[in-house]
N, C-alpha and C. Protein backbone atom coordinates (compact mmCIF):
# COMPACT_ATOMS: atom_id res chain seq x y z
N MET A 1 55.45 143.80 61.45
CA MET A 1 54.20 144.37 61.58
C MET A 1 53.18 143.43 62.25
N ALA A 2 52.75 144.26 63.51
CA ALA A 2 51.84 143.29 64.34
C ALA A 2 50.37 143.06 63.56
N THR A 3 49.76 141.81 63.55
CA THR A 3 48.78 141.77 63.07
C THR A 3 47.51 142.22 63.80
N ARG A 4 46.54 141.99 62.98
CA ARG A 4 45.21 142.87 63.77
C ARG A 4 44.89 141.87 64.81
N ALA A 5 44.95 140.77 64.79
CA ALA A 5 44.80 139.90 66.02
C ALA A 5 45.73 140.25 67.25
N GLU A 6 46.71 140.47 66.99
CA GLU A 6 48.26 140.88 67.90
C GLU A 6 47.79 142.10 68.19
N LYS A 7 47.46 143.12 67.74
CA LYS A 7 47.06 144.40 68.10
C LYS A 7 45.62 144.02 69.00
N ILE A 8 44.88 143.54 68.75
CA ILE A 8 43.49 143.65 69.58
C ILE A 8 44.14 143.02 70.88
N ALA A 9 44.81 141.88 70.65
CA ALA A 9 45.30 141.25 72.22
C ALA A 9 46.16 141.93 72.77
N GLY A 10 46.74 143.07 72.30
CA GLY A 10 47.58 144.05 73.18
C GLY A 10 46.62 145.38 73.44
N LEU A 11 45.55 145.45 73.14
CA LEU A 11 44.62 146.61 73.90
C LEU A 11 44.33 146.05 75.02
N THR A 12 44.36 147.33 75.97
CA THR A 12 43.81 147.06 77.41
C THR A 12 42.73 147.19 77.74
N ASN A 13 41.83 146.84 78.50
CA ASN A 13 40.32 146.35 78.90
C ASN A 13 39.64 147.60 78.15
N GLN A 14 40.10 148.80 78.51
CA GLN A 14 39.40 149.76 78.16
C GLN A 14 39.37 149.97 77.22
N GLN A 15 40.18 149.79 76.64
CA GLN A 15 40.83 150.36 74.86
C GLN A 15 39.75 149.23 74.06
N ALA A 16 39.57 148.02 74.78
CA ALA A 16 39.17 147.02 73.90
C ALA A 16 37.56 147.47 74.00
N LEU A 17 36.95 148.05 75.15
CA LEU A 17 35.73 148.43 75.32
C LEU A 17 35.42 149.59 74.57
N SER A 18 36.25 150.45 74.56
CA SER A 18 36.02 151.69 73.87
C SER A 18 35.82 151.58 72.20
N ILE A 19 36.88 150.83 71.91
CA ILE A 19 36.79 150.56 70.21
C ILE A 19 35.22 149.80 69.92
N LEU A 20 35.50 149.08 70.88
CA LEU A 20 33.74 147.97 70.19
C LEU A 20 32.64 148.63 70.53
N SER A 21 32.54 149.54 71.53
CA SER A 21 31.42 150.36 71.61
C SER A 21 31.42 151.81 70.39
N SER A 22 32.51 151.80 69.97
CA SER A 22 32.58 152.96 68.64
C SER A 22 32.12 152.11 67.44
N LEU A 23 32.74 150.91 66.88
CA LEU A 23 32.38 150.01 66.23
C LEU A 23 30.70 149.66 66.05
N ALA A 24 30.48 149.43 67.39
CA ALA A 24 28.88 148.89 67.53
C ALA A 24 28.00 150.02 66.93
N ALA A 25 28.38 151.58 67.42
CA ALA A 25 27.38 152.58 67.03
C ALA A 25 27.70 152.81 65.63
N GLU A 26 28.66 152.40 64.86
CA GLU A 26 28.87 152.99 63.31
C GLU A 26 28.15 151.54 62.82
N THR A 27 27.90 150.35 63.36
CA THR A 27 27.11 149.68 62.39
C THR A 27 25.52 149.32 62.83
N ALA A 28 25.11 150.33 63.61
CA ALA A 28 23.59 150.47 64.03
C ALA A 28 23.13 151.32 63.07
N ASP A 29 21.66 151.17 63.28
CA ASP A 29 20.65 151.53 62.15
C ASP A 29 19.56 152.19 62.89
N LEU A 30 18.50 152.53 62.17
CA LEU A 30 17.49 153.15 62.99
C LEU A 30 16.64 152.26 63.79
N GLU A 31 16.72 150.96 63.22
CA GLU A 31 16.09 149.67 63.87
C GLU A 31 16.55 149.17 65.17
N SER A 32 17.72 149.47 65.00
CA SER A 32 18.80 148.81 66.01
C SER A 32 18.32 148.92 67.63
N PRO A 33 18.41 147.65 68.39
CA PRO A 33 17.77 148.08 69.70
C PRO A 33 18.63 148.76 70.40
N GLU A 34 18.01 149.63 71.38
CA GLU A 34 19.03 150.77 72.03
C GLU A 34 18.62 150.02 73.41
N GLY A 35 19.93 150.34 74.45
CA GLY A 35 19.67 149.82 75.73
C GLY A 35 19.93 148.70 76.21
N THR A 36 20.26 148.23 77.14
CA THR A 36 20.75 146.96 77.53
C THR A 36 19.61 145.98 77.73
N THR A 37 18.38 146.74 78.12
CA THR A 37 17.23 145.71 78.22
C THR A 37 16.46 145.29 76.89
N GLU A 38 16.71 146.28 75.93
CA GLU A 38 15.96 146.14 74.65
C GLU A 38 17.15 145.27 73.68
N GLN A 39 18.25 145.69 74.27
CA GLN A 39 19.44 144.48 73.28
C GLN A 39 19.45 143.16 73.97
N ALA A 40 19.08 143.00 75.02
CA ALA A 40 19.08 141.94 75.87
C ALA A 40 17.96 140.72 75.08
N ARG A 41 16.56 141.66 75.03
CA ARG A 41 15.46 140.82 74.61
C ARG A 41 15.43 140.59 73.00
N ALA A 42 16.33 141.46 72.32
CA ALA A 42 16.62 141.09 70.73
C ALA A 42 17.53 140.11 70.42
N LEU A 43 18.81 139.88 71.36
CA LEU A 43 19.55 139.02 71.64
C LEU A 43 18.63 137.60 71.98
N GLY A 44 18.31 137.72 72.91
CA GLY A 44 17.48 136.30 73.54
C GLY A 44 16.66 135.99 72.41
N ALA A 45 15.88 136.82 71.48
CA ALA A 45 15.42 136.15 70.22
C ALA A 45 15.96 135.52 69.35
N VAL A 46 17.24 136.02 69.30
CA VAL A 46 18.05 135.40 68.38
C VAL A 46 18.78 133.99 68.91
N LEU A 47 19.18 134.23 69.92
CA LEU A 47 19.67 132.85 70.44
C LEU A 47 18.35 131.96 70.80
N SER A 48 17.15 132.28 71.24
CA SER A 48 16.26 131.26 71.38
C SER A 48 15.80 130.66 70.01
N SER A 49 16.00 131.48 69.04
CA SER A 49 15.50 131.09 67.63
C SER A 49 16.36 129.77 67.10
N GLN A 50 17.49 129.82 67.75
CA GLN A 50 18.58 128.84 67.53
C GLN A 50 18.73 127.96 68.39
N GLY A 51 17.71 127.78 69.37
CA GLY A 51 18.07 126.80 70.60
C GLY A 51 19.12 127.25 71.33
N GLU A 52 19.38 128.42 71.70
CA GLU A 52 20.36 128.51 72.64
C GLU A 52 19.66 129.17 73.93
N ALA A 53 19.76 128.72 75.15
CA ALA A 53 19.50 129.43 76.21
C ALA A 53 20.44 130.10 77.16
N VAL A 54 20.64 131.46 77.29
CA VAL A 54 21.20 131.99 78.01
C VAL A 54 20.97 133.12 78.99
N ASP A 55 20.88 133.05 80.24
CA ASP A 55 20.88 134.14 81.04
C ASP A 55 21.29 135.17 80.84
N LEU A 56 20.66 136.15 80.32
CA LEU A 56 21.26 137.39 79.72
C LEU A 56 20.83 138.36 80.98
N GLU A 57 20.27 138.40 81.78
CA GLU A 57 19.96 139.18 82.88
C GLU A 57 21.30 139.00 83.83
N ALA A 58 21.67 137.70 84.07
CA ALA A 58 22.80 137.54 84.90
C ALA A 58 24.15 138.02 84.13
N ALA A 59 24.07 137.75 82.92
CA ALA A 59 25.36 138.69 81.77
C ALA A 59 25.55 139.80 82.09
N GLU A 60 24.45 140.53 82.45
CA GLU A 60 24.29 142.23 82.68
C GLU A 60 25.32 142.36 83.74
N GLU A 61 25.42 141.47 84.76
CA GLU A 61 26.26 141.50 85.57
C GLU A 61 27.68 140.93 85.41
N ALA A 62 28.49 141.24 84.50
CA ALA A 62 29.51 140.86 84.01
C ALA A 62 30.65 141.26 84.94
N ASP A 63 31.62 140.85 85.11
CA ASP A 63 32.96 141.33 85.60
C ASP A 63 33.38 142.21 84.38
N PRO A 64 34.23 143.50 84.59
CA PRO A 64 34.70 144.30 83.79
C PRO A 64 35.87 143.62 83.06
N ALA A 65 36.60 142.63 83.62
CA ALA A 65 37.86 141.66 82.63
C ALA A 65 37.01 140.58 81.94
N ALA A 66 35.96 140.15 82.01
CA ALA A 66 35.45 139.53 81.64
C ALA A 66 34.40 139.57 80.31
N ALA A 67 34.03 140.96 80.61
CA ALA A 67 33.59 142.03 79.01
C ALA A 67 34.42 142.20 78.19
N ALA A 68 35.55 142.76 78.93
CA ALA A 68 36.83 142.87 77.83
C ALA A 68 37.52 141.77 77.25
N ALA A 69 37.44 140.34 77.69
CA ALA A 69 37.73 139.55 76.96
C ALA A 69 36.63 139.27 75.87
N SER A 70 35.40 139.26 76.12
CA SER A 70 34.51 139.33 75.08
C SER A 70 34.61 140.21 73.79
N ALA A 71 34.66 141.29 74.54
CA ALA A 71 34.95 142.47 73.55
C ALA A 71 36.02 142.19 72.67
N ARG A 72 37.24 141.51 73.24
CA ARG A 72 38.41 141.43 72.24
C ARG A 72 38.06 140.20 71.24
N GLU A 73 37.02 139.14 71.46
CA GLU A 73 36.42 138.08 70.83
C GLU A 73 35.67 138.77 69.86
N LEU A 74 34.55 139.94 70.32
CA LEU A 74 33.82 140.25 68.93
C LEU A 74 34.62 141.18 68.38
N LEU A 75 35.67 141.87 68.81
CA LEU A 75 36.66 142.76 67.55
C LEU A 75 37.25 141.77 66.70
N LEU A 76 37.77 140.47 66.78
CA LEU A 76 38.34 139.39 66.34
C LEU A 76 37.20 139.23 65.00
N LEU A 77 35.92 138.98 65.34
CA LEU A 77 34.93 138.72 64.55
C LEU A 77 34.69 139.72 63.62
N LEU A 78 34.55 140.73 64.19
CA LEU A 78 34.19 142.12 63.32
C LEU A 78 35.46 142.54 62.33
N ALA A 79 36.75 142.02 62.67
CA ALA A 79 37.62 142.39 61.93
C ALA A 79 37.47 141.51 60.70
N GLU A 80 36.83 140.16 60.58
CA GLU A 80 36.49 139.59 59.66
C GLU A 80 35.71 140.48 58.19
N SER A 81 34.96 141.29 58.55
CA SER A 81 34.17 141.98 57.88
C SER A 81 34.83 143.35 57.10
N PRO A 82 34.67 143.16 55.87
CA PRO A 82 35.48 144.40 55.15
C PRO A 82 34.91 145.53 55.39
N GLU A 83 33.59 145.85 55.40
CA GLU A 83 33.03 146.80 55.72
C GLU A 83 33.55 147.66 57.33
N VAL A 84 33.69 146.59 58.25
CA VAL A 84 34.57 146.92 59.44
C VAL A 84 35.59 147.33 59.46
N GLN A 85 36.68 146.62 58.59
CA GLN A 85 38.09 146.70 58.84
C GLN A 85 38.72 148.11 58.56
N PRO A 86 38.18 149.05 57.71
CA PRO A 86 38.71 150.26 57.56
C PRO A 86 38.78 150.82 59.08
N SER A 87 37.61 150.92 59.60
CA SER A 87 37.65 151.56 60.97
C SER A 87 38.28 151.14 62.14
N LEU A 88 38.05 149.69 61.96
CA LEU A 88 38.89 148.89 63.01
C LEU A 88 40.28 149.19 63.10
N ASP A 89 40.74 149.26 61.58
CA ASP A 89 42.12 149.40 61.66
C ASP A 89 42.81 150.96 61.88
N GLU A 90 42.08 151.84 61.81
CA GLU A 90 42.24 153.19 61.97
C GLU A 90 42.47 153.26 63.63
N TRP A 91 41.32 152.58 64.60
CA TRP A 91 41.25 152.26 65.68
C TRP A 91 42.58 151.84 66.22
N LEU A 92 43.00 150.80 65.85
CA LEU A 92 44.25 149.74 66.13
C LEU A 92 45.21 150.59 66.19
N GLU A 93 45.30 151.43 64.83
CA GLU A 93 46.61 152.24 64.54
C GLU A 93 47.13 153.30 65.78
N ASN A 94 45.77 153.64 66.33
CA ASN A 94 45.76 154.96 66.96
C ASN A 94 44.81 154.74 68.17
N PRO A 95 45.00 153.65 68.83
CA PRO A 95 44.00 153.09 70.08
C PRO A 95 43.49 154.47 71.07
N PRO A 96 42.72 154.55 71.57
CA PRO A 96 42.34 155.55 72.09
C PRO A 96 43.29 155.59 73.45
N ARG A 97 43.63 156.62 73.99
CA ARG A 97 44.19 157.05 75.13
C ARG A 97 43.48 156.29 76.23
N GLN A 98 43.87 156.09 77.58
CA GLN A 98 43.36 155.44 78.55
C GLN A 98 42.11 156.55 78.63
N GLU A 99 42.61 157.74 78.97
CA GLU A 99 41.78 158.78 79.30
C GLU A 99 40.26 159.01 78.32
N GLN A 100 40.81 158.61 76.92
CA GLN A 100 39.54 158.89 76.14
C GLN A 100 38.76 157.70 76.03
N ALA A 101 39.65 156.77 76.52
CA ALA A 101 38.87 155.03 76.66
C ALA A 101 38.15 154.72 77.90
N ALA A 102 37.75 155.70 78.41
CA ALA A 102 37.30 155.57 80.05
C ALA A 102 35.88 155.27 79.77
N VAL A 103 35.40 154.02 79.44
CA VAL A 103 34.33 153.49 79.40
C VAL A 103 33.99 153.15 80.85
N PRO A 104 33.01 153.61 81.55
CA PRO A 104 32.57 153.46 82.86
C PRO A 104 32.71 151.85 83.11
N LEU A 105 33.07 151.26 84.04
CA LEU A 105 33.05 150.06 84.14
C LEU A 105 31.48 149.24 84.29
N ILE A 106 30.88 150.22 84.71
CA ILE A 106 29.46 149.56 84.92
C ILE A 106 28.61 149.32 83.44
N LEU A 107 29.27 149.92 82.49
CA LEU A 107 28.96 149.96 81.08
C LEU A 107 29.72 148.54 80.24
N ALA A 108 30.43 148.23 81.12
CA ALA A 108 31.05 147.04 80.05
C ALA A 108 30.53 146.03 79.56
N ALA A 109 29.22 145.27 80.41
CA ALA A 109 28.42 144.36 79.98
C ALA A 109 27.46 144.98 78.54
N PRO A 110 27.03 146.17 78.79
CA PRO A 110 26.14 146.71 77.67
C PRO A 110 26.94 147.03 76.56
N VAL A 111 28.16 147.38 76.49
CA VAL A 111 29.05 147.25 75.10
C VAL A 111 29.41 146.15 74.57
N VAL A 112 29.49 144.95 75.49
CA VAL A 112 29.24 143.53 74.59
C VAL A 112 28.17 143.23 74.17
N PHE A 113 26.94 143.56 74.53
CA PHE A 113 25.65 143.48 74.19
C PHE A 113 25.73 144.21 72.63
N SER A 114 26.12 145.43 72.78
CA SER A 114 26.10 146.32 71.59
C SER A 114 27.17 145.41 70.56
N GLY A 115 28.20 145.05 70.99
CA GLY A 115 29.11 144.50 70.05
C GLY A 115 28.33 143.04 69.35
N CYS A 116 27.49 142.60 70.21
CA CYS A 116 27.22 141.09 69.68
C CYS A 116 25.80 141.63 68.19
N ILE A 117 25.08 143.01 68.90
CA ILE A 117 24.62 143.22 67.85
C ILE A 117 25.07 143.55 66.63
N ALA A 118 25.96 144.27 66.80
CA ALA A 118 27.02 145.01 65.43
C ALA A 118 27.62 143.47 64.81
N ALA A 119 28.07 142.35 65.57
CA ALA A 119 28.46 141.32 64.60
C ALA A 119 27.47 140.62 64.08
N LEU A 120 25.93 140.59 64.64
CA LEU A 120 24.85 140.26 63.72
C LEU A 120 24.82 140.88 62.66
N TYR A 121 24.98 142.33 62.71
CA TYR A 121 24.60 143.19 61.54
C TYR A 121 25.69 142.63 60.46
N ALA A 122 26.85 142.75 60.85
CA ALA A 122 28.05 142.74 60.12
C ALA A 122 28.54 141.46 59.48
N VAL A 123 28.18 140.57 59.68
CA VAL A 123 28.69 139.12 59.57
C VAL A 123 27.33 138.01 59.53
N GLY A 124 26.07 138.55 60.11
CA GLY A 124 25.19 137.54 60.03
C GLY A 124 23.95 137.71 59.42
N HIS A 125 23.82 138.56 58.33
CA HIS A 125 23.11 138.79 57.19
C HIS A 125 21.46 139.32 58.37
N VAL A 126 21.55 139.54 59.71
CA VAL A 126 20.50 139.95 60.50
C VAL A 126 20.17 141.38 60.50
N ARG A 127 18.93 141.71 60.57
CA ARG A 127 18.85 143.29 61.09
C ARG A 127 17.54 142.79 61.97
N PHE A 128 17.12 143.94 63.30
CA PHE A 128 16.00 143.58 63.75
C PHE A 128 15.18 144.90 63.39
N ARG A 129 13.68 144.47 63.86
CA ARG A 129 12.80 144.95 63.59
C ARG A 129 11.66 144.83 64.63
N ARG A 130 11.10 145.73 65.19
CA ARG A 130 10.14 145.45 66.56
C ARG A 130 8.45 145.24 65.87
N ASN A 131 8.21 144.24 66.56
CA ASN A 131 6.79 143.83 66.04
C ASN A 131 5.88 144.93 66.74
N GLU A 132 4.56 144.71 66.37
CA GLU A 132 3.43 145.74 66.79
C GLU A 132 3.77 145.32 68.38
N ASP A 133 3.63 144.28 68.76
CA ASP A 133 3.25 143.90 70.12
C ASP A 133 4.36 144.36 71.05
N GLY A 134 5.71 144.97 70.57
CA GLY A 134 6.83 145.41 70.85
C GLY A 134 8.25 144.07 71.00
N THR A 135 7.50 143.05 70.65
CA THR A 135 8.72 142.22 70.79
C THR A 135 10.16 142.30 69.56
N TRP A 136 10.67 141.69 69.55
CA TRP A 136 11.92 141.95 68.32
C TRP A 136 11.78 140.92 67.16
N LYS A 137 11.84 141.01 66.20
CA LYS A 137 11.58 140.52 64.84
C LYS A 137 12.94 140.57 64.39
N ILE A 138 13.38 139.04 64.19
CA ILE A 138 14.70 138.87 63.34
C ILE A 138 14.48 138.94 61.96
N ASP A 139 14.75 139.79 61.03
CA ASP A 139 15.07 139.79 59.77
C ASP A 139 16.35 139.29 59.15
N TYR A 140 16.26 137.78 58.60
CA TYR A 140 17.65 137.39 58.17
C TYR A 140 17.48 137.84 56.63
N ARG A 141 18.50 138.21 56.15
CA ARG A 141 18.58 138.63 54.90
C ARG A 141 19.76 138.17 54.09
N PRO A 142 19.72 136.80 53.62
CA PRO A 142 20.54 135.90 52.88
C PRO A 142 21.01 136.82 51.80
N GLU A 143 19.89 137.39 51.27
CA GLU A 143 20.76 138.49 49.97
C GLU A 143 21.54 139.42 50.02
N VAL A 144 21.94 139.92 51.17
CA VAL A 144 22.96 140.45 51.68
C VAL A 144 23.96 139.77 52.01
N GLU A 145 25.23 139.92 51.24
CA GLU A 145 26.30 138.97 51.39
C GLU A 145 27.26 139.72 52.41
N THR A 146 27.85 138.83 53.06
CA THR A 146 28.81 139.00 54.35
C THR A 146 29.83 138.38 53.84
N PRO A 147 31.23 138.78 54.29
CA PRO A 147 32.15 138.03 54.02
C PRO A 147 32.44 136.99 54.81
N MET A 148 32.01 136.63 56.17
CA MET A 148 32.04 135.24 56.51
C MET A 148 31.00 134.20 56.19
N ASP A 149 30.01 134.94 56.02
CA ASP A 149 28.95 134.19 55.50
C ASP A 149 28.77 132.94 56.51
N ARG A 150 28.46 133.37 58.03
CA ARG A 150 28.27 132.47 58.90
C ARG A 150 26.94 131.90 58.81
N THR A 151 26.34 130.67 59.24
CA THR A 151 25.50 130.30 59.36
C THR A 151 24.80 131.03 60.64
N MET A 152 23.51 131.50 60.92
CA MET A 152 22.75 131.71 61.90
C MET A 152 23.58 130.68 63.21
N LYS A 153 23.21 129.68 63.13
CA LYS A 153 23.47 128.52 64.48
C LYS A 153 25.10 129.07 64.48
N ASP A 154 25.94 128.92 63.72
CA ASP A 154 27.04 129.25 64.18
C ASP A 154 27.57 130.56 65.07
N LEU A 155 26.82 131.62 64.51
CA LEU A 155 26.91 133.16 65.17
C LEU A 155 26.29 133.00 66.28
N ALA A 156 24.85 132.30 66.38
CA ALA A 156 24.32 132.38 67.64
C ALA A 156 25.24 131.64 68.79
N SER A 157 26.10 130.53 68.50
CA SER A 157 26.69 129.52 69.36
C SER A 157 27.59 130.76 69.81
N VAL A 158 28.46 131.55 68.88
CA VAL A 158 29.54 132.30 69.42
C VAL A 158 28.86 133.16 70.46
N ILE A 159 27.78 133.68 70.24
CA ILE A 159 26.87 134.95 71.12
C ILE A 159 26.81 134.12 72.56
N ALA A 160 26.36 132.95 72.07
CA ALA A 160 25.52 132.36 73.75
C ALA A 160 26.76 132.01 74.29
N ARG A 161 27.88 131.66 73.82
CA ARG A 161 29.47 131.52 74.61
C ARG A 161 29.66 132.83 75.30
N LEU A 162 29.98 133.64 74.44
CA LEU A 162 30.14 134.97 75.09
C LEU A 162 29.31 135.51 75.84
N MET A 163 28.25 135.64 75.73
CA MET A 163 27.13 136.12 77.16
C MET A 163 27.47 134.97 78.22
N SER A 164 27.19 133.78 78.04
CA SER A 164 27.56 132.76 79.03
C SER A 164 28.74 133.00 79.91
N SER A 165 29.85 133.63 79.38
CA SER A 165 31.36 133.84 80.05
C SER A 165 31.03 135.12 80.75
N LEU A 166 30.13 135.88 80.54
CA LEU A 166 29.82 137.16 81.61
C LEU A 166 29.20 136.68 82.62
N ILE A 167 28.73 135.38 83.05
CA ILE A 167 28.04 135.26 83.99
C ILE A 167 28.75 134.88 85.19
N PRO A 168 29.14 136.04 86.15
CA PRO A 168 29.57 135.95 87.04
C PRO A 168 29.44 134.37 87.89
N GLY A 169 30.29 133.65 88.25
CA GLY A 169 30.24 132.38 88.84
C GLY A 169 30.63 130.76 87.66
N LYS A 170 30.10 131.39 86.59
CA LYS A 170 30.00 130.45 85.60
C LYS A 170 31.43 129.84 84.98
N PRO A 171 31.60 128.60 84.86
CA PRO A 171 32.85 128.16 84.53
C PRO A 171 33.22 128.81 83.14
N GLY A 172 34.40 129.28 83.06
CA GLY A 172 35.07 130.11 81.95
C GLY A 172 34.65 131.61 81.96
N ALA A 173 34.02 131.86 83.04
CA ALA A 173 33.77 133.28 83.40
C ALA A 173 35.10 133.86 83.91
N ALA A 174 35.29 135.32 83.83
CA ALA A 174 36.42 135.59 84.58
C ALA A 174 35.85 136.25 85.61
N GLY A 175 36.81 136.58 86.43
CA GLY A 175 36.57 137.07 88.09
C GLY A 175 36.38 136.26 88.78
């Protein structure tokens, strides 16, 4: 029987993006940033708070193959969360058929942004809240146990690496 990691590796690009999109929607709450611009601002707040600098506007221009590779990494990260595992396992047992998994390629990078927010929620003790001035505030909730219990710095480093890999022409970027 194939492991989760093997099943994730065997997904098509469209399936990986589609499953990540579904899991991100499941982890969202009423305060979750919506839309690529707001998600980029929220992710930027997390990254800058941890000393990571990534050109998130450039990351929005990701090649779909680079976005799918990042989606697979995020699925592996989310697979470590007991709260996400049941849903992920269902998707991996019955991945969407190609016609059902049709994430428009223009949405590939936004799906990865949503996946990063989901990872922060599921494994990073983080929630977002909008300040009165419209900026995003990060609520770190150490009292909420997460299975990985990753430090914010570790998680920010992973997200920065994934976002950087989306930037066309950057070393390590696909395409």
